[in-house]
Structures are given as structure tokens and as C-alpha cells.
N, C-alpha and C. Protein backbone atom coordinates (compact mmCIF):
# COMPACT_ATOMS: atom_id res chain seq x y z
N MET A 1 36.09 23.58 14.09
CA MET A 1 36.60 24.78 14.71
C MET A 1 38.12 24.80 14.61
N HIS A 2 38.67 25.95 14.29
CA HIS A 2 40.11 26.13 14.21
C HIS A 2 40.63 26.80 15.48
N VAL A 3 41.91 26.54 15.76
CA VAL A 3 42.56 27.16 16.92
C VAL A 3 43.90 27.73 16.49
N LEU A 4 44.33 28.75 17.23
CA LEU A 4 45.66 29.33 17.08
C LEU A 4 46.49 28.81 18.24
N VAL A 5 47.59 28.16 17.92
CA VAL A 5 48.49 27.61 18.94
C VAL A 5 49.76 28.43 18.94
N ARG A 6 50.19 28.82 20.14
CA ARG A 6 51.45 29.55 20.30
C ARG A 6 52.33 28.78 21.27
N ILE A 7 53.59 28.62 20.89
CA ILE A 7 54.56 27.93 21.72
C ILE A 7 55.66 28.93 22.04
N PHE A 8 55.79 29.28 23.30
CA PHE A 8 56.76 30.27 23.76
C PHE A 8 58.03 29.56 24.22
N LEU A 9 59.16 29.97 23.64
CA LEU A 9 60.45 29.33 23.91
C LEU A 9 61.51 30.39 24.17
N LYS A 10 62.70 29.91 24.52
CA LYS A 10 63.88 30.77 24.57
C LYS A 10 64.70 30.50 23.32
N GLU A 11 65.26 31.53 22.76
CA GLU A 11 66.03 31.42 21.54
C GLU A 11 67.18 30.42 21.66
N SER A 12 67.77 30.28 22.83
CA SER A 12 68.95 29.44 23.01
C SER A 12 68.63 27.95 23.18
N GLU A 13 67.36 27.58 23.33
CA GLU A 13 67.01 26.17 23.54
C GLU A 13 67.32 25.35 22.29
N GLU A 14 67.96 24.22 22.51
CA GLU A 14 68.36 23.35 21.40
C GLU A 14 68.07 21.89 21.70
N ILE A 15 67.97 21.12 20.62
CA ILE A 15 67.91 19.66 20.70
C ILE A 15 68.94 19.14 19.71
N GLU A 16 69.90 18.38 20.22
CA GLU A 16 70.96 17.81 19.39
C GLU A 16 71.63 18.86 18.51
N GLY A 17 71.91 20.03 19.10
CA GLY A 17 72.62 21.10 18.40
C GLY A 17 71.77 21.92 17.44
N LYS A 18 70.48 21.65 17.36
CA LYS A 18 69.57 22.37 16.47
C LYS A 18 68.65 23.26 17.29
N PRO A 19 68.36 24.47 16.82
CA PRO A 19 67.42 25.31 17.56
C PRO A 19 66.07 24.59 17.74
N LEU A 20 65.55 24.64 18.97
CA LEU A 20 64.29 23.96 19.27
C LEU A 20 63.16 24.45 18.39
N TYR A 21 63.12 25.77 18.11
CA TYR A 21 62.04 26.28 17.27
C TYR A 21 62.07 25.66 15.88
N ARG A 22 63.26 25.37 15.37
CA ARG A 22 63.36 24.72 14.05
C ARG A 22 62.89 23.26 14.12
N VAL A 23 63.27 22.57 15.18
CA VAL A 23 62.85 21.18 15.37
C VAL A 23 61.32 21.13 15.44
N ILE A 24 60.72 22.07 16.14
CA ILE A 24 59.26 22.11 16.26
C ILE A 24 58.61 22.35 14.90
N VAL A 25 59.12 23.30 14.13
CA VAL A 25 58.56 23.58 12.81
C VAL A 25 58.69 22.36 11.90
N GLU A 26 59.81 21.67 11.97
CA GLU A 26 59.98 20.46 11.17
C GLU A 26 58.97 19.38 11.58
N GLU A 27 58.72 19.26 12.88
CA GLU A 27 57.72 18.30 13.37
C GLU A 27 56.32 18.67 12.88
N LEU A 28 56.00 19.96 12.93
CA LEU A 28 54.69 20.40 12.46
C LEU A 28 54.51 20.05 10.98
N ARG A 29 55.55 20.25 10.21
CA ARG A 29 55.49 19.92 8.77
C ARG A 29 55.27 18.43 8.57
N LYS A 30 56.00 17.61 9.33
CA LYS A 30 55.84 16.14 9.22
C LYS A 30 54.42 15.71 9.59
N LYS A 31 53.81 16.40 10.54
CA LYS A 31 52.47 16.05 11.01
C LYS A 31 51.37 16.60 10.11
N GLY A 32 51.76 17.32 9.05
CA GLY A 32 50.78 17.81 8.09
C GLY A 32 50.13 19.13 8.42
N VAL A 33 50.70 19.85 9.39
CA VAL A 33 50.20 21.20 9.67
C VAL A 33 50.52 22.06 8.46
N ARG A 34 49.54 22.81 7.97
CA ARG A 34 49.69 23.52 6.69
C ARG A 34 50.68 24.66 6.72
N GLY A 35 50.96 25.22 7.88
CA GLY A 35 51.92 26.32 7.95
C GLY A 35 52.24 26.68 9.39
N ALA A 36 53.40 27.25 9.59
CA ALA A 36 53.83 27.68 10.92
C ALA A 36 54.72 28.90 10.76
N THR A 37 54.75 29.73 11.77
CA THR A 37 55.56 30.94 11.76
C THR A 37 56.37 31.01 13.05
N VAL A 38 57.62 31.42 12.92
CA VAL A 38 58.47 31.65 14.09
C VAL A 38 58.69 33.15 14.21
N LEU A 39 58.39 33.68 15.39
CA LEU A 39 58.54 35.10 15.66
C LEU A 39 59.58 35.30 16.75
N LYS A 40 60.54 36.19 16.50
CA LYS A 40 61.58 36.48 17.49
C LYS A 40 61.28 37.83 18.12
N ALA A 41 61.31 37.86 19.43
CA ALA A 41 61.01 39.09 20.15
C ALA A 41 62.21 40.03 20.16
N ILE A 42 61.93 41.31 20.33
CA ILE A 42 63.01 42.28 20.53
C ILE A 42 63.08 42.71 21.99
N LEU A 43 62.06 42.34 22.76
CA LEU A 43 62.02 42.65 24.18
C LEU A 43 61.09 41.68 24.87
N GLY A 44 61.46 41.24 26.06
CA GLY A 44 60.56 40.36 26.79
C GLY A 44 61.13 39.92 28.11
N TYR A 45 60.29 39.24 28.90
CA TYR A 45 60.73 38.61 30.14
C TYR A 45 59.85 37.41 30.40
N GLY A 46 60.35 36.49 31.19
CA GLY A 46 59.60 35.27 31.48
C GLY A 46 59.25 35.18 32.94
N THR A 47 59.03 33.97 33.40
CA THR A 47 58.58 33.75 34.77
C THR A 47 59.60 34.20 35.81
N THR A 48 60.87 34.27 35.43
CA THR A 48 61.90 34.72 36.37
C THR A 48 61.91 36.24 36.53
N GLY A 49 61.29 36.94 35.60
CA GLY A 49 61.28 38.40 35.64
C GLY A 49 62.51 39.03 35.00
N LYS A 50 63.47 38.22 34.56
CA LYS A 50 64.67 38.74 33.92
C LYS A 50 64.33 39.31 32.55
N MET A 51 64.78 40.54 32.29
CA MET A 51 64.49 41.20 31.01
C MET A 51 65.50 40.78 29.95
N TYR A 52 65.01 40.60 28.74
CA TYR A 52 65.83 40.32 27.57
C TYR A 52 65.53 41.39 26.55
N TYR A 53 66.59 41.99 25.98
CA TYR A 53 66.41 43.12 25.09
C TYR A 53 67.43 43.06 23.97
N GLU A 54 66.98 43.19 22.74
CA GLU A 54 67.86 43.06 21.58
C GLU A 54 68.91 44.15 21.52
N GLY A 55 68.63 45.32 22.08
CA GLY A 55 69.55 46.46 21.97
C GLY A 55 70.77 46.38 22.86
N ILE A 56 70.76 45.53 23.87
CA ILE A 56 71.89 45.41 24.78
C ILE A 56 72.50 44.02 24.60
N GLU A 57 73.70 43.98 24.04
CA GLU A 57 74.30 42.70 23.66
C GLU A 57 74.33 41.69 24.80
N ALA A 58 74.64 42.13 25.99
CA ALA A 58 74.77 41.21 27.12
C ALA A 58 73.45 40.55 27.48
N LEU A 59 72.33 41.16 27.14
CA LEU A 59 71.02 40.62 27.50
C LEU A 59 70.26 40.04 26.31
N SER A 60 70.88 40.02 25.14
CA SER A 60 70.14 39.64 23.94
C SER A 60 70.43 38.23 23.44
N TYR A 61 71.16 37.44 24.19
CA TYR A 61 71.53 36.11 23.72
C TYR A 61 70.41 35.09 23.84
N ASP A 62 69.39 35.40 24.59
CA ASP A 62 68.36 34.40 24.88
C ASP A 62 66.96 35.01 24.76
N LEU A 63 66.70 35.67 23.65
CA LEU A 63 65.43 36.36 23.47
C LEU A 63 64.27 35.38 23.35
N PRO A 64 63.07 35.83 23.71
CA PRO A 64 61.89 34.98 23.53
C PRO A 64 61.62 34.71 22.05
N VAL A 65 61.16 33.50 21.77
CA VAL A 65 60.77 33.09 20.42
C VAL A 65 59.39 32.43 20.53
N VAL A 66 58.53 32.73 19.56
CA VAL A 66 57.20 32.14 19.54
C VAL A 66 57.01 31.39 18.22
N VAL A 67 56.59 30.14 18.32
CA VAL A 67 56.19 29.37 17.14
C VAL A 67 54.67 29.34 17.17
N GLU A 68 54.05 29.73 16.06
CA GLU A 68 52.58 29.69 16.05
C GLU A 68 52.07 29.04 14.78
N PHE A 69 50.88 28.42 14.93
CA PHE A 69 50.22 27.80 13.79
C PHE A 69 48.72 27.77 14.03
N VAL A 70 47.97 27.69 12.94
CA VAL A 70 46.51 27.58 12.99
C VAL A 70 46.14 26.23 12.41
N GLU A 71 45.26 25.53 13.11
CA GLU A 71 44.88 24.19 12.66
C GLU A 71 43.51 23.84 13.25
N GLU A 72 42.88 22.79 12.73
CA GLU A 72 41.64 22.30 13.32
C GLU A 72 41.96 21.81 14.73
N GLU A 73 41.04 22.04 15.66
CA GLU A 73 41.30 21.79 17.07
C GLU A 73 41.76 20.36 17.36
N GLU A 74 41.06 19.38 16.81
CA GLU A 74 41.40 17.98 17.08
C GLU A 74 42.82 17.65 16.64
N LYS A 75 43.19 18.09 15.45
CA LYS A 75 44.53 17.84 14.94
C LYS A 75 45.57 18.58 15.78
N ALA A 76 45.26 19.83 16.15
CA ALA A 76 46.18 20.63 16.96
C ALA A 76 46.46 19.95 18.30
N LEU A 77 45.43 19.41 18.92
CA LEU A 77 45.60 18.74 20.22
C LEU A 77 46.53 17.53 20.09
N GLY A 78 46.38 16.77 19.02
CA GLY A 78 47.26 15.64 18.78
C GLY A 78 48.71 16.06 18.57
N VAL A 79 48.89 17.12 17.81
CA VAL A 79 50.23 17.64 17.54
C VAL A 79 50.87 18.14 18.83
N ILE A 80 50.08 18.84 19.64
CA ILE A 80 50.60 19.37 20.91
C ILE A 80 51.08 18.24 21.82
N GLU A 81 50.33 17.16 21.86
CA GLU A 81 50.75 16.02 22.69
C GLU A 81 52.13 15.52 22.28
N ASN A 82 52.38 15.45 20.98
CA ASN A 82 53.69 15.02 20.49
C ASN A 82 54.78 16.04 20.81
N LEU A 83 54.44 17.32 20.71
CA LEU A 83 55.42 18.37 20.94
C LEU A 83 55.83 18.47 22.41
N LYS A 84 54.93 18.12 23.31
CA LYS A 84 55.24 18.20 24.74
C LYS A 84 56.51 17.42 25.09
N GLU A 85 56.77 16.35 24.36
CA GLU A 85 57.95 15.53 24.61
C GLU A 85 59.24 16.29 24.30
N LEU A 86 59.17 17.28 23.41
CA LEU A 86 60.35 18.05 23.03
C LEU A 86 60.63 19.20 23.99
N LEU A 87 59.63 19.60 24.76
CA LEU A 87 59.75 20.79 25.60
C LEU A 87 60.14 20.45 27.03
N SER A 88 61.26 21.00 27.47
CA SER A 88 61.64 20.84 28.87
C SER A 88 61.10 22.02 29.68
N SER A 89 60.88 23.11 28.99
CA SER A 89 60.26 24.29 29.60
C SER A 89 59.39 24.93 28.51
N GLY A 90 59.05 26.16 28.65
CA GLY A 90 58.24 26.82 27.65
C GLY A 90 56.78 26.77 28.02
N LEU A 91 55.98 27.38 27.20
CA LEU A 91 54.56 27.52 27.45
C LEU A 91 53.82 27.33 26.13
N ILE A 92 52.72 26.60 26.16
CA ILE A 92 51.88 26.42 24.98
C ILE A 92 50.51 27.00 25.30
N THR A 93 50.01 27.86 24.41
CA THR A 93 48.65 28.39 24.56
C THR A 93 47.85 28.03 23.32
N MET A 94 46.53 27.99 23.49
CA MET A 94 45.65 27.69 22.38
C MET A 94 44.38 28.53 22.55
N GLU A 95 43.94 29.13 21.46
CA GLU A 95 42.73 29.93 21.50
C GLU A 95 41.93 29.73 20.23
N SER A 96 40.66 29.99 20.29
CA SER A 96 39.79 29.86 19.10
C SER A 96 40.26 30.84 18.04
N ALA A 97 40.14 30.41 16.80
CA ALA A 97 40.52 31.26 15.67
C ALA A 97 39.48 31.15 14.58
N GLU A 98 39.12 32.27 14.02
CA GLU A 98 38.22 32.28 12.88
C GLU A 98 39.07 32.36 11.63
N VAL A 99 38.84 31.47 10.69
CA VAL A 99 39.69 31.39 9.50
C VAL A 99 38.88 31.80 8.28
N TRP A 100 39.46 32.71 7.47
CA TRP A 100 38.86 33.11 6.21
C TRP A 100 39.81 32.71 5.10
N GLY A 101 39.24 32.25 4.02
CA GLY A 101 40.06 31.94 2.85
C GLY A 101 40.53 30.53 2.74
């Protein structure tokens, strides 16, 4: 069974001066995940309720970013365990995915 994993982050989060979303994608590649995508939001809010919007410069510095990948469930669970160490905040979701091709 395959799963779709989504990791919700803030654009400004970094590790050692590198964007966290890039560090995560590099980790996924090292772990043999076949592909990953980073999506940047143009509008969103998190648990604080504060709105972030690309059209207003003062509110656009910390937009939501989502890293997602599809993988076999067992492998995805192992990768997620490793990624948890990199996340000080954020949210990880996982759902069943049907894969064609």
C-alpha cells in the first residue's frame, strides 16, 4: 500500500542557514524516496490564526510551505521517524494513495 505524506512548514524555518524544506527534500533523496515536491502557498494561516498572504509584503515573509511525497507505507513511516528530529514545529499528515504507472 502506498501513502501520500505531507509536511507543513513555515517558509522561514531553517537549519544551519538552509531552508528546512530543502533539508527535508535532501533527506528524502538520501533515504531513497523516488520523488518529492515542495509547494509554496499564496495564502494561509496556522494554529495561531495569523493570516499570511503573498500580496501584502508585510505578511508574506513566512508563507506556508508543504513538502509532499508518495511512498510505500512501511518506508514512509521509517522516513517520517527520521524527519521528526528535524522538525521543531510543523505538521505531518499521511493518507492512503492509489498509484498508477
